Amino acid sequence: MKRTSINIVLIIFAFFLFLMIVTSLSSELCFNHLNNPGLKGHDQKIILLFEHAIKMDKLNSEYAAALGNFLFDSIKDGGGKEKRNKIQELYKAASRLNPYHADYYIKLAQIQITIFFESKKNGECLNSLKALAYEAISNLRYAVKSDPNGFNVSYSAGYAGLSLWKYLSEKDRSFVLDRLFFSLKLKPWYGSYMYPKLWTCEHNFYLLKKITPDTLTANKVLYNFVISRNLWQFRDEQIRSVQRLRIKEDRTTYYKEKAVELKRLNEVKEKFIVSSHVSSSISEDRWNGISTDGVNTIKNGLMFWNGTMDAVIKIREGEASLKIKARGDPANGIYPYMTVNLNGDYIGGAYVASGDWNDYKFSVKTGGGIKVLSISFVNDGASKDGKEDRNLYIGRAEAI
């Protein structure tokens, strides 16, 4: 009797094992069939195959997540509340089945953010919106907890979190910034995606600095963002960071370039000394230079292109001021920005924010003597319709 009972149990066990294997194979075949190119465009048939695979193997998180991914991609072409909620439930199911799969939490948070903004547009109550935002950021945290050192997870968590920036607590904002900082440590060039998004959330240069690692590559990317957005009021600070890190990380190249520039400036000085009398002032006809691309010559202080022009000036020893007359033409509401160097050393910069001639003063402290004063125009541009052209005009300069 006992032996018979054992045999019955073994038969039942073998039957259920066989059933599990068969259903698993059936669901896998069904899932693999989804790769058939002939199914492209047959969305309803694809969804039915996904659902059959999930029904046959309810313990496989991959099937639920894959259907979620398919539906998520399809809502770009339109999709109602019901579809978005279904996607959310699929990702929730996948994360319950495999709670250590970070990507499931990322996708769950992303669809919840989509639901959040759709609900906001439809006028849902504030408490409901707060709950959605809290759930989304919590899932981003779960993702990072599952994979704290992965770039893709940290970048996705930080970038998605920025979408909810206005609705986040200080603690959650710190989490988002921390993930962006970590991502830039691994791939600093991704700043070209992060900086515009964060700047849109909050026009705060120091938040951009906060997510920027103290490396040359990362700071160059931030500098390029500052330039591209005409945020010249932050240029001075950022160029100092870049120069400091160049000396730290690439000292040899930095000093080689510095030596080349000093040689050029000495040639400029010698040419001016030979050709004319050097005084404590520069008339506008003494300005000469070349555009950044090396194509156009700049004369008489007329800067129609990005570029640099030089002139020689005599300065007394000790503290002095350089007074430069300038005016500018704006384009797209932005005026020209000039940077000023003395013997190759940066002494300041300014928006030339008027079409009328104005004086711009820069303080210096030198050993006195004959110096090369260089002015660079750095944000040339024009309106799309071509009616506005940003130009810089430099007049008289004097040392006082």
Protein backbone atom coordinates (compact mmCIF):
# COMPACT_ATOMS: atom_id res chain seq x y z
CA MET A 1 0.00 0.00 0.00
CA LYS A 2 2.78 2.36 0.98
CA ARG A 3 4.68 1.54 -2.19
CA THR A 4 1.56 2.14 -4.30
CA SER A 5 1.08 5.56 -2.69
CA ILE A 6 4.68 6.50 -3.42
CA ASN A 7 4.26 5.44 -7.06
CA ILE A 8 1.10 7.53 -7.38
CA VAL A 9 2.90 10.57 -5.96
CA LEU A 10 5.81 10.05 -8.35
CA ILE A 11 3.44 9.71 -11.30
CA ILE A 12 1.63 12.92 -10.33
CA PHE A 13 4.96 14.71 -9.87
CA ALA A 14 6.21 13.46 -13.24
CA PHE A 15 2.95 14.56 -14.88
CA PHE A 16 3.17 18.08 -13.49
CA LEU A 17 6.87 18.29 -14.37
CA PHE A 18 6.04 17.20 -17.92
CA LEU A 19 3.21 19.75 -18.04
CA MET A 20 5.53 22.52 -16.87
CA ILE A 21 8.15 21.62 -19.46
CA VAL A 22 5.56 21.45 -22.25
CA THR A 23 3.92 24.77 -21.31
CA SER A 24 7.32 26.43 -20.93
CA LEU A 25 8.41 25.17 -24.35
CA SER A 26 5.07 26.19 -25.85
CA SER A 27 5.31 29.71 -24.45
CA GLU A 28 8.93 30.00 -25.58
CA LEU A 29 8.03 28.90 -29.11
CA CYS A 30 5.21 31.41 -29.10
CA PHE A 31 7.56 34.14 -27.85
CA ASN A 32 10.24 33.25 -30.43
CA HIS A 33 7.60 33.38 -33.18
CA LEU A 34 7.27 37.09 -32.45
CA ASN A 35 10.62 37.62 -34.21
CA ASN A 36 9.00 36.55 -37.50
CA PRO A 37 9.38 39.51 -39.93
CA GLY A 38 5.99 38.61 -41.40
CA LEU A 39 4.30 39.85 -38.22
CA LYS A 40 5.50 43.40 -38.70
CA GLY A 41 2.50 45.73 -38.80
CA HIS A 42 0.11 43.11 -37.37
CA ASP A 43 -0.03 44.66 -33.89
CA GLN A 44 -3.13 42.85 -32.69
CA LYS A 45 -1.73 39.45 -33.65
CA ILE A 46 1.56 40.28 -31.89
CA ILE A 47 -0.30 41.28 -28.72
CA LEU A 48 -2.27 38.00 -28.79
CA LEU A 49 0.95 35.99 -29.11
CA PHE A 50 2.49 37.91 -26.20
CA GLU A 51 -0.60 37.30 -24.07
CA HIS A 52 -0.57 33.58 -24.95
CA ALA A 53 3.09 33.32 -23.91
CA ILE A 54 2.33 35.08 -20.60
CA LYS A 55 -0.69 32.81 -19.98
CA MET A 56 1.34 29.68 -20.66
CA ASP A 57 4.25 30.72 -18.42
CA LYS A 58 3.07 33.15 -15.76
CA LEU A 59 6.39 33.01 -13.89
CA ASN A 60 8.51 34.40 -16.71
CA SER A 61 9.10 38.12 -16.17
CA GLU A 62 10.62 38.52 -19.62
CA TYR A 63 7.29 37.99 -21.38
CA ALA A 64 5.41 40.59 -19.36
CA ALA A 65 8.22 43.14 -19.79
CA ALA A 66 8.47 42.46 -23.54
CA LEU A 67 4.74 43.11 -24.03
CA GLY A 68 5.11 46.23 -21.91
CA ASN A 69 7.96 47.41 -24.17
CA PHE A 70 5.94 46.72 -27.31
CA LEU A 71 2.91 48.65 -26.04
CA PHE A 72 5.12 51.45 -24.68
CA ASP A 73 6.62 51.96 -28.16
CA SER A 74 3.14 51.98 -29.68
CA ILE A 75 1.79 54.80 -27.48
CA LYS A 76 4.09 57.20 -29.33
CA ASP A 77 1.55 56.90 -32.15
CA GLY A 78 -1.34 57.41 -29.74
CA GLY A 79 -2.83 55.46 -26.89
CA GLY A 80 -5.45 56.01 -24.26
CA LYS A 81 -5.51 55.74 -20.51
CA GLU A 82 -6.42 52.05 -20.66
CA LYS A 83 -3.31 51.17 -22.67
CA ARG A 84 -1.01 53.19 -20.38
CA ASN A 85 -2.48 51.52 -17.30
CA LYS A 86 -2.01 48.10 -18.93
CA ILE A 87 1.65 48.88 -19.60
CA GLN A 88 2.06 49.93 -15.97
CA GLU A 89 0.55 46.65 -14.74
CA LEU A 90 2.80 44.62 -17.05
CA TYR A 91 5.95 46.29 -15.70
CA LYS A 92 4.70 45.87 -12.14
CA ALA A 93 4.16 42.16 -12.82
CA ALA A 94 7.64 41.83 -14.34
CA SER A 95 9.28 43.59 -11.37
CA ARG A 96 7.39 41.37 -8.90
CA LEU A 97 8.57 38.25 -10.73
CA ASN A 98 12.15 39.52 -10.91
CA PRO A 99 12.67 42.24 -8.29
CA TYR A 100 16.40 42.51 -9.11
CA HIS A 101 15.96 43.54 -12.75
CA ALA A 102 16.72 47.27 -12.71
CA ASP A 103 15.41 47.93 -16.22
CA TYR A 104 11.88 46.87 -15.21
CA TYR A 105 11.80 49.59 -12.54
CA ILE A 106 13.14 52.16 -15.00
CA LYS A 107 10.42 51.32 -17.55
CA LEU A 108 7.77 51.27 -14.80
CA ALA A 109 8.84 54.74 -13.67
CA GLN A 110 8.87 56.03 -17.26
CA ILE A 111 5.28 54.93 -17.94
CA GLN A 112 4.22 56.35 -14.58
CA ILE A 113 5.75 59.69 -15.58
CA THR A 114 3.78 59.51 -18.84
CA ILE A 115 0.60 58.80 -16.85
CA PHE A 116 1.47 61.66 -14.48
CA PHE A 117 1.59 64.29 -17.23
CA GLU A 118 -1.49 62.92 -18.97
CA SER A 119 -3.36 63.03 -15.64
CA LYS A 120 -2.11 66.57 -15.02
CA LYS A 121 -3.39 67.62 -18.45
CA ASN A 122 -6.77 66.10 -17.62
CA GLY A 123 -6.96 68.11 -14.38
CA GLU A 124 -6.59 65.33 -11.82
CA CYS A 125 -6.31 66.42 -8.17
CA LEU A 126 -2.96 67.46 -6.69
CA ASN A 127 -2.84 64.60 -4.15
CA SER A 128 -3.28 62.03 -6.91
CA LEU A 129 -0.49 63.64 -8.91
CA LYS A 130 1.82 63.72 -5.90
CA ALA A 131 1.18 60.02 -5.30
CA LEU A 132 2.07 59.24 -8.93
CA ALA A 133 5.25 61.31 -8.76
CA TYR A 134 6.25 59.64 -5.49
CA GLU A 135 5.67 56.16 -6.93
CA ALA A 136 7.69 56.96 -10.06
CA ILE A 137 10.69 58.34 -8.14
CA SER A 138 10.52 55.36 -5.76
CA ASN A 139 10.81 52.99 -8.70
CA LEU A 140 13.81 54.94 -9.99
CA ARG A 141 15.40 54.46 -6.58
CA TYR A 142 14.64 50.71 -6.70
CA ALA A 143 16.32 50.54 -10.11
CA VAL A 144 19.49 52.19 -8.80
CA LYS A 145 19.45 49.96 -5.73
CA SER A 146 19.34 46.91 -8.02
CA ASP A 147 22.19 48.20 -10.18
CA PRO A 148 24.05 51.00 -8.37
CA ASN A 149 27.13 50.99 -10.62
CA GLY A 150 25.58 50.71 -14.07
CA PHE A 151 25.71 53.70 -16.40
CA ASN A 152 22.46 53.00 -18.25
CA VAL A 153 20.42 52.70 -15.06
CA SER A 154 21.90 55.80 -13.41
CA TYR A 155 21.58 57.89 -16.57
CA SER A 156 17.99 56.74 -17.17
CA ALA A 157 17.04 57.34 -13.54
CA GLY A 158 18.57 60.82 -13.48
CA TYR A 159 17.21 61.87 -16.85
CA ALA A 160 13.70 60.55 -16.15
CA GLY A 161 13.75 62.19 -12.72
CA LEU A 162 14.35 65.58 -14.35
CA SER A 163 10.91 65.29 -15.97
CA LEU A 164 9.37 65.52 -12.48
CA TRP A 165 11.81 68.18 -11.21
CA LYS A 166 9.14 70.75 -10.28
CA TYR A 167 7.27 68.18 -8.20
CA LEU A 168 10.20 66.61 -6.32
CA SER A 169 11.26 67.14 -2.72
CA GLU A 170 14.79 68.37 -2.00
CA LYS A 171 15.74 64.83 -1.05
CA ASP A 172 14.51 63.45 -4.38
CA ARG A 173 16.20 66.26 -6.30
CA SER A 174 19.48 65.36 -4.59
CA PHE A 175 19.00 61.76 -5.69
CA VAL A 176 18.46 62.84 -9.31
CA LEU A 177 21.52 65.13 -9.29
CA ASP A 178 23.63 62.40 -7.71
CA ARG A 179 22.72 59.96 -10.50
CA LEU A 180 23.50 62.53 -13.18
CA PHE A 181 26.86 63.26 -11.54
CA PHE A 182 27.65 59.53 -11.37
CA SER A 183 26.72 59.11 -15.05
CA LEU A 184 29.01 61.95 -16.10
CA LYS A 185 31.88 60.41 -14.16
CA LEU A 186 31.54 57.37 -16.42
CA LYS A 187 30.65 59.12 -19.69
CA PRO A 188 31.26 62.88 -19.45
CA TRP A 189 30.25 63.53 -23.07
CA TYR A 190 26.63 62.70 -22.08
CA GLY A 191 26.57 66.18 -20.58
CA SER A 192 25.48 67.38 -24.04
CA TYR A 193 22.13 65.65 -23.29
CA MET A 194 21.90 66.33 -19.57
CA TYR A 195 22.79 70.02 -19.44
CA PRO A 196 19.99 71.21 -21.78
CA LYS A 197 17.42 69.13 -19.87
CA LEU A 198 18.53 70.39 -16.44
CA TRP A 199 18.78 73.98 -17.71
CA THR A 200 15.17 73.72 -18.93
CA CYS A 201 14.12 72.56 -15.45
CA GLU A 202 15.89 75.39 -13.68
CA HIS A 203 18.06 78.16 -15.10
CA ASN A 204 20.76 77.64 -12.51
CA PHE A 205 24.37 77.39 -13.69
CA TYR A 206 25.50 76.06 -10.32
CA LEU A 207 23.23 73.03 -10.64
CA LEU A 208 25.07 72.28 -13.89
CA LYS A 209 28.36 72.63 -12.00
CA LYS A 210 27.04 70.34 -9.29
CA ILE A 211 26.57 67.41 -11.67
CA THR A 212 29.91 68.03 -13.41
CA PRO A 213 32.86 65.91 -12.21
CA ASP A 214 36.14 67.75 -11.67
CA THR A 215 37.72 66.45 -14.88
CA LEU A 216 38.91 68.24 -17.99
CA THR A 217 36.61 66.39 -20.40
CA ALA A 218 33.49 67.00 -18.31
CA ASN A 219 34.26 70.69 -17.86
CA LYS A 220 34.94 71.14 -21.57
CA VAL A 221 31.47 69.73 -22.32
CA LEU A 222 29.94 72.19 -19.85
CA TYR A 223 31.96 75.04 -21.37
CA ASN A 224 30.65 74.13 -24.83
CA PHE A 225 27.10 74.19 -23.46
CA VAL A 226 27.70 77.67 -22.00
CA ILE A 227 28.97 78.86 -25.39
CA SER A 228 26.16 77.24 -27.41
CA ARG A 229 23.48 78.82 -25.22
CA ASN A 230 25.11 82.26 -25.15
CA LEU A 231 25.45 82.07 -21.37
CA TRP A 232 28.49 84.29 -21.48
CA GLN A 233 27.91 85.61 -17.97
CA PHE A 234 29.20 82.20 -16.80
CA ARG A 235 32.00 81.94 -19.32
CA ASP A 236 34.70 83.46 -17.10
CA GLU A 237 34.11 81.03 -14.27
CA GLN A 238 33.93 78.01 -16.55
CA ILE A 239 37.01 78.86 -18.60
CA ARG A 240 38.99 79.14 -15.36
CA SER A 241 37.87 75.60 -14.46
CA VAL A 242 38.93 74.33 -17.88
CA GLN A 243 42.33 76.03 -17.69
CA ARG A 244 42.98 74.76 -14.16
CA LEU A 245 42.22 71.20 -15.24
CA ARG A 246 44.27 71.53 -18.41
CA ILE A 247 47.31 72.41 -16.32
CA LYS A 248 46.51 69.52 -13.98
CA GLU A 249 45.74 66.84 -16.59
CA ASP A 250 47.55 68.02 -19.74
CA ARG A 251 50.29 70.34 -18.52
CA THR A 252 52.73 69.72 -21.39
CA THR A 253 50.23 70.54 -24.15
CA TYR A 254 48.94 73.57 -22.24
CA TYR A 255 52.39 75.16 -21.92
CA LYS A 256 53.30 74.31 -25.51
CA GLU A 257 50.20 76.15 -26.74
CA LYS A 258 50.97 79.00 -24.36
CA ALA A 259 54.48 79.28 -25.81
CA VAL A 260 53.10 79.37 -29.38
CA GLU A 261 50.68 82.17 -28.42
CA LEU A 262 53.44 84.18 -26.69
CA LYS A 263 55.59 83.87 -29.80
CA ARG A 264 52.73 85.20 -31.93
CA LEU A 265 52.18 88.11 -29.54
CA ASN A 266 55.88 89.00 -29.61
CA GLU A 267 55.75 89.08 -33.40
CA VAL A 268 52.72 91.39 -33.22
CA LYS A 269 54.54 93.64 -30.74
CA GLU A 270 57.71 93.85 -32.86
CA LYS A 271 55.70 94.63 -35.99
CA PHE A 272 53.84 97.48 -34.27
CA ILE A 273 56.97 98.92 -32.65
CA VAL A 274 58.79 99.01 -36.00
CA SER A 275 55.86 100.48 -37.94
CA SER A 276 54.58 103.14 -35.56
CA HIS A 277 54.87 105.01 -32.29
CA VAL A 278 53.39 103.14 -29.30
CA SER A 279 51.38 105.16 -26.79
CA SER A 280 48.89 104.63 -23.97
CA SER A 281 46.00 104.69 -26.43
CA ILE A 282 44.87 102.77 -29.52
CA SER A 283 42.83 104.36 -32.30
CA GLU A 284 40.28 102.21 -34.11
CA ASP A 285 42.35 102.11 -37.32
CA ARG A 286 45.14 100.31 -35.41
CA TRP A 287 43.11 97.17 -34.74
CA ASN A 288 44.02 94.22 -36.95
CA GLY A 289 43.28 90.52 -36.79
CA ILE A 290 41.79 87.45 -38.39
CA SER A 291 38.58 85.45 -38.08
CA THR A 292 38.60 82.20 -36.09
CA ASP A 293 38.33 80.11 -39.27
CA GLY A 294 41.34 81.96 -40.73
CA VAL A 295 39.40 83.08 -43.82
CA ASN A 296 38.58 86.73 -43.16
CA THR A 297 40.79 89.67 -42.22
CA ILE A 298 39.57 91.98 -39.45
CA LYS A 299 40.48 95.65 -39.75
CA ASN A 300 39.63 98.97 -38.14
CA GLY A 301 37.81 97.34 -35.23
CA LEU A 302 35.01 95.96 -37.44
CA MET A 303 34.30 92.43 -36.23
CA PHE A 304 31.75 90.77 -38.48
CA TRP A 305 32.95 87.24 -37.67
CA ASN A 306 34.18 85.37 -34.62
CA GLY A 307 37.86 86.14 -34.34
CA THR A 308 40.62 88.03 -32.54
CA MET A 309 42.31 91.34 -33.26
CA ASP A 310 45.38 92.85 -31.62
CA ALA A 311 47.01 96.20 -31.04
CA VAL A 312 49.95 97.41 -28.95
CA ILE A 313 49.57 99.72 -25.98
CA LYS A 314 51.88 101.22 -23.33
CA ILE A 315 50.80 100.68 -19.72
CA ARG A 316 52.24 102.09 -16.51
CA GLU A 317 53.62 99.81 -13.80
CA GLY A 318 51.26 98.67 -11.06
CA GLU A 319 47.49 98.91 -11.08
CA ALA A 320 45.84 100.41 -14.14
CA SER A 321 42.58 100.36 -16.08
CA LEU A 322 41.96 99.66 -19.72
CA LYS A 323 39.04 101.57 -21.21
CA ILE A 324 37.66 100.19 -24.47
CA LYS A 325 34.96 101.85 -26.56
CA ALA A 326 32.60 99.39 -28.17
CA ARG A 327 29.11 98.98 -29.61
CA GLY A 328 27.21 96.03 -30.98
CA ASP A 329 24.40 94.77 -33.20
CA PRO A 330 22.13 92.12 -31.62
CA ALA A 331 20.58 89.04 -33.23
CA ASN A 332 17.75 87.03 -31.67
CA GLY A 333 17.80 89.42 -28.71
CA ILE A 334 21.43 88.58 -27.88
CA TYR A 335 24.23 91.14 -28.12
CA PRO A 336 27.88 90.41 -29.01
CA TYR A 337 30.23 89.26 -26.27
CA MET A 338 33.88 90.27 -26.23
CA THR A 339 36.74 88.75 -24.29
CA VAL A 340 39.87 90.77 -23.51
CA ASN A 341 43.44 89.50 -23.09
CA LEU A 342 46.61 91.38 -22.22
CA ASN A 343 49.84 89.69 -23.34
CA GLY A 344 47.88 86.44 -23.66
CA ASP A 345 46.40 86.58 -20.15
CA TYR A 346 42.64 86.82 -19.83
CA ILE A 347 41.55 89.99 -18.01
CA GLY A 348 37.78 89.98 -18.56
CA GLY A 349 34.78 89.86 -20.83
CA ALA A 350 31.53 91.72 -21.36
CA TYR A 351 28.30 91.83 -23.34
CA VAL A 352 28.40 94.87 -25.58
CA ALA A 353 24.70 95.41 -25.02
CA SER A 354 24.05 98.62 -26.94
CA GLY A 355 24.14 99.98 -30.44
CA ASP A 356 25.64 103.19 -29.05
CA TRP A 357 29.31 103.65 -28.21
CA ASN A 358 30.05 102.91 -24.55
CA ASP A 359 33.17 102.53 -22.43
CA TYR A 360 34.03 99.11 -20.98
CA LYS A 361 36.68 99.10 -18.24
CA PHE A 362 39.00 96.29 -17.19
CA SER A 363 41.42 96.41 -14.26
CA VAL A 364 44.97 95.11 -14.63
CA LYS A 365 48.16 94.95 -12.59
CA THR A 366 51.39 94.69 -14.58
CA GLY A 367 55.10 95.41 -14.52
CA GLY A 368 54.44 98.18 -17.01
CA GLY A 369 55.79 98.69 -20.53
CA ILE A 370 54.56 97.78 -24.00
CA LYS A 371 51.82 95.12 -24.08
CA VAL A 372 49.65 93.45 -26.71
CA LEU A 373 45.94 94.05 -26.14
CA SER A 374 43.74 91.39 -27.80
CA ILE A 375 39.98 91.49 -28.21
CA SER A 376 37.99 88.46 -29.32
CA PHE A 377 34.43 88.32 -30.65
CA VAL A 378 33.07 84.94 -29.60
CA ASN A 379 29.32 84.67 -30.29
CA ASP A 380 28.73 85.66 -33.89
CA GLY A 381 25.28 84.74 -35.16
CA ALA A 382 22.24 85.78 -37.17
CA SER A 383 18.48 85.45 -37.10
CA LYS A 384 16.91 82.70 -39.18
CA ASP A 385 15.30 85.17 -41.54
CA GLY A 386 18.66 86.89 -42.08
CA LYS A 387 17.34 90.28 -41.02
CA GLU A 388 19.57 90.46 -37.93
CA ASP A 389 23.33 89.93 -37.86
CA ARG A 390 25.29 90.01 -34.59
CA ASN A 391 28.40 92.18 -35.00
CA LEU A 392 30.94 93.83 -32.72
CA TYR A 393 32.56 97.21 -33.28
CA ILE A 394 35.64 98.28 -31.34
CA GLY A 395 36.75 101.89 -31.19
CA ARG A 396 39.41 103.67 -29.20
CA ALA A 397 41.16 101.94 -26.28
CA GLU A 398 43.33 103.61 -23.66
CA ALA A 399 45.28 102.74 -20.52
CA ILE A 400 44.47 105.05 -17.58
